[in-house]
């Protein structure tokens, strides 16, 4: 959660009224005729976070770190999803009342 220090206000910390955020499309346009864009695309292999960070910092190592973090997160998310499904399936099986089933 964001908090202000004593004596700070929104106005005192937002002194750059003309700030415009940079988006990936802006960076791609900036590097359109630069071989660094091809190099970044090869390094990032369609990973958008990697490409943004590489182009924004002009540093492939920063992009590689973003890509590694993204891949790690995806791996953990996939593993947790499998474990969650297993837990839900076990819960569903434990909740069944087998005594009420009839055989035909």
C-alpha atoms as a PDB file:
ATOM      1  CA  UNK A   1       0.000   0.000   0.000  1.00  0.00           C
ATOM      2  CA  UNK A   2       1.227   3.466  -0.855  1.00  0.00           C
ATOM      3  CA  UNK A   3       1.572   5.957   1.970  1.00  0.00           C
ATOM      4  CA  UNK A   4       2.847   9.517   2.153  1.00  0.00           C
ATOM      5  CA  UNK A   5       5.658  10.499   4.488  1.00  0.00           C
ATOM      6  CA  UNK A   6       4.961  13.253   7.021  1.00  0.00           C
ATOM      7  CA  UNK A   7       4.441  16.528   5.207  1.00  0.00           C
ATOM      8  CA  UNK A   8       4.027  14.919   1.766  1.00  0.00           C
ATOM      9  CA  UNK A   9       0.935  15.384  -0.352  1.00  0.00           C
ATOM     10  CA  UNK A  10      -0.102  14.200  -3.787  1.00  0.00           C
ATOM     11  CA  UNK A  11       1.010  17.545  -5.171  1.00  0.00           C
ATOM     12  CA  UNK A  12       4.443  17.398  -3.534  1.00  0.00           C
ATOM     13  CA  UNK A  13       5.323  13.954  -4.919  1.00  0.00           C
ATOM     14  CA  UNK A  14       3.789  14.399  -8.387  1.00  0.00           C
ATOM     15  CA  UNK A  15       5.943  17.226  -9.636  1.00  0.00           C
ATOM     16  CA  UNK A  16       6.261  15.913 -13.209  1.00  0.00           C
ATOM     17  CA  UNK A  17       2.886  16.941 -14.610  1.00  0.00           C
ATOM     18  CA  UNK A  18       4.102  16.437 -18.176  1.00  0.00           C
ATOM     19  CA  UNK A  19       5.182  12.815 -17.616  1.00  0.00           C
ATOM     20  CA  UNK A  20       3.969  10.395 -20.297  1.00  0.00           C
ATOM     21  CA  UNK A  21       4.376   6.655 -19.697  1.00  0.00           C
ATOM     22  CA  UNK A  22       6.207   4.586 -22.301  1.00  0.00           C
ATOM     23  CA  UNK A  23       4.496   1.589 -23.855  1.00  0.00           C
ATOM     24  CA  UNK A  24       5.953  -1.364 -25.752  1.00  0.00           C
ATOM     25  CA  UNK A  25       4.646  -0.090 -29.084  1.00  0.00           C
ATOM     26  CA  UNK A  26       6.480   3.197 -28.488  1.00  0.00           C
ATOM     27  CA  UNK A  27       9.732   1.347 -27.860  1.00  0.00           C
ATOM     28  CA  UNK A  28       9.299  -0.863 -30.928  1.00  0.00           C
ATOM     29  CA  UNK A  29       8.704   2.260 -33.037  1.00  0.00           C
ATOM     30  CA  UNK A  30      11.820   3.843 -31.556  1.00  0.00           C
ATOM     31  CA  UNK A  31      13.975   0.843 -32.515  1.00  0.00           C
ATOM     32  CA  UNK A  32      12.324   0.036 -35.881  1.00  0.00           C
ATOM     33  CA  UNK A  33      15.470   0.690 -37.956  1.00  0.00           C
ATOM     34  CA  UNK A  34      17.911  -0.426 -35.268  1.00  0.00           C
ATOM     35  CA  UNK A  35      19.424  -3.944 -35.344  1.00  0.00           C
ATOM     36  CA  UNK A  36      19.017  -3.987 -31.560  1.00  0.00           C
ATOM     37  CA  UNK A  37      15.291  -4.672 -32.068  1.00  0.00           C
ATOM     38  CA  UNK A  38      16.067  -7.899 -33.954  1.00  0.00           C
ATOM     39  CA  UNK A  39      18.582  -8.837 -31.283  1.00  0.00           C
ATOM     40  CA  UNK A  40      16.033  -8.157 -28.531  1.00  0.00           C
ATOM     41  CA  UNK A  41      13.366 -10.200 -30.338  1.00  0.00           C
ATOM     42  CA  UNK A  42      15.787 -13.115 -30.681  1.00  0.00           C
ATOM     43  CA  UNK A  43      16.703 -12.921 -27.002  1.00  0.00           C
ATOM     44  CA  UNK A  44      13.145 -12.586 -25.720  1.00  0.00           C
ATOM     45  CA  UNK A  45      11.423 -15.119 -27.999  1.00  0.00           C
ATOM     46  CA  UNK A  46       7.992 -13.372 -27.889  1.00  0.00           C
ATOM     47  CA  UNK A  47       8.117 -12.706 -24.127  1.00  0.00           C
ATOM     48  CA  UNK A  48       6.553  -9.234 -23.923  1.00  0.00           C
ATOM     49  CA  UNK A  49       7.936  -8.358 -20.485  1.00  0.00           C
ATOM     50  CA  UNK A  50      11.425  -9.288 -21.628  1.00  0.00           C
ATOM     51  CA  UNK A  51      11.091  -7.238 -24.802  1.00  0.00           C
ATOM     52  CA  UNK A  52       9.785  -4.181 -22.964  1.00  0.00           C
ATOM     53  CA  UNK A  53      12.527  -4.290 -20.336  1.00  0.00           C
ATOM     54  CA  UNK A  54      15.258  -4.945 -22.915  1.00  0.00           C
ATOM     55  CA  UNK A  55      14.203  -2.038 -25.099  1.00  0.00           C
ATOM     56  CA  UNK A  56      13.424   0.335 -22.212  1.00  0.00           C
ATOM     57  CA  UNK A  57      16.834  -0.196 -20.626  1.00  0.00           C
ATOM     58  CA  UNK A  58      18.770  -1.053 -23.797  1.00  0.00           C
ATOM     59  CA  UNK A  59      20.149  -3.964 -21.784  1.00  0.00           C
ATOM     60  CA  UNK A  60      19.519  -7.578 -22.762  1.00  0.00           C
ATOM     61  CA  UNK A  61      20.503  -8.833 -19.311  1.00  0.00           C
ATOM     62  CA  UNK A  62      17.595  -6.938 -17.751  1.00  0.00           C
ATOM     63  CA  UNK A  63      15.257  -8.506 -20.302  1.00  0.00           C
ATOM     64  CA  UNK A  64      16.686 -11.972 -19.680  1.00  0.00           C
ATOM     65  CA  UNK A  65      16.073 -11.533 -15.951  1.00  0.00           C
ATOM     66  CA  UNK A  66      12.453 -10.529 -16.653  1.00  0.00           C
ATOM     67  CA  UNK A  67      12.015 -13.549 -18.898  1.00  0.00           C
ATOM     68  CA  UNK A  68      13.465 -15.894 -16.266  1.00  0.00           C
ATOM     69  CA  UNK A  69      11.119 -14.447 -13.631  1.00  0.00           C
ATOM     70  CA  UNK A  70       8.151 -14.813 -15.954  1.00  0.00           C
ATOM     71  CA  UNK A  71       9.045 -18.430 -16.737  1.00  0.00           C
ATOM     72  CA  UNK A  72       9.515 -19.228 -13.045  1.00  0.00           C
ATOM     73  CA  UNK A  73       6.149 -17.673 -12.205  1.00  0.00           C
ATOM     74  CA  UNK A  74       4.438 -19.651 -14.996  1.00  0.00           C
ATOM     75  CA  UNK A  75       6.037 -22.876 -13.800  1.00  0.00           C
ATOM     76  CA  UNK A  76       4.922 -22.279 -10.224  1.00  0.00           C
ATOM     77  CA  UNK A  77       1.435 -21.272 -11.369  1.00  0.00           C
ATOM     78  CA  UNK A  78       1.128 -24.473 -13.415  1.00  0.00           C
ATOM     79  CA  UNK A  79       2.316 -26.624 -10.512  1.00  0.00           C
ATOM     80  CA  UNK A  80      -0.020 -24.944  -8.038  1.00  0.00           C
ATOM     81  CA  UNK A  81      -2.899 -25.335 -10.489  1.00  0.00           C
ATOM     82  CA  UNK A  82      -2.276 -29.083 -10.704  1.00  0.00           C
ATOM     83  CA  UNK A  83      -2.053 -29.368  -6.931  1.00  0.00           C
ATOM     84  CA  UNK A  84      -5.232 -27.326  -6.500  1.00  0.00           C
ATOM     85  CA  UNK A  85      -7.125 -29.546  -8.936  1.00  0.00           C
ATOM     86  CA  UNK A  86      -5.904 -32.644  -7.095  1.00  0.00           C
ATOM     87  CA  UNK A  87      -7.078 -31.190  -3.769  1.00  0.00           C
ATOM     88  CA  UNK A  88     -10.468 -30.246  -5.238  1.00  0.00           C
ATOM     89  CA  UNK A  89     -10.894 -33.716  -6.721  1.00  0.00           C
ATOM     90  CA  UNK A  90      -9.997 -35.367  -3.415  1.00  0.00           C
ATOM     91  CA  UNK A  91     -12.393 -33.061  -1.590  1.00  0.00           C
ATOM     92  CA  UNK A  92     -15.170 -33.932  -4.036  1.00  0.00           C
ATOM     93  CA  UNK A  93     -14.533 -37.667  -3.608  1.00  0.00           C
ATOM     94  CA  UNK A  94     -14.516 -37.372   0.177  1.00  0.00           C
ATOM     95  CA  UNK A  95     -17.785 -35.444   0.049  1.00  0.00           C
ATOM     96  CA  UNK A  96     -19.659 -38.179  -1.829  1.00  0.00           C
ATOM     97  CA  UNK A  97     -22.084 -40.316   0.108  1.00  0.00           C
ATOM     98  CA  UNK A  98     -21.328 -43.733  -1.337  1.00  0.00           C
ATOM     99  CA  UNK A  99     -24.035 -45.359   0.788  1.00  0.00           C
ATOM    100  CA  UNK A 100     -26.719 -43.546  -1.213  1.00  0.00           C
ATOM    101  CA  UNK A 101     -25.529 -44.962  -4.548  1.00  0.00           C
ATOM    102  CA  UNK A 102     -27.422 -47.923  -5.886  1.00  0.00           C
ATOM    103  CA  UNK A 103     -26.038 -50.563  -8.179  1.00  0.00           C
ATOM    104  CA  UNK A 104     -28.014 -51.579 -11.224  1.00  0.00           C
END
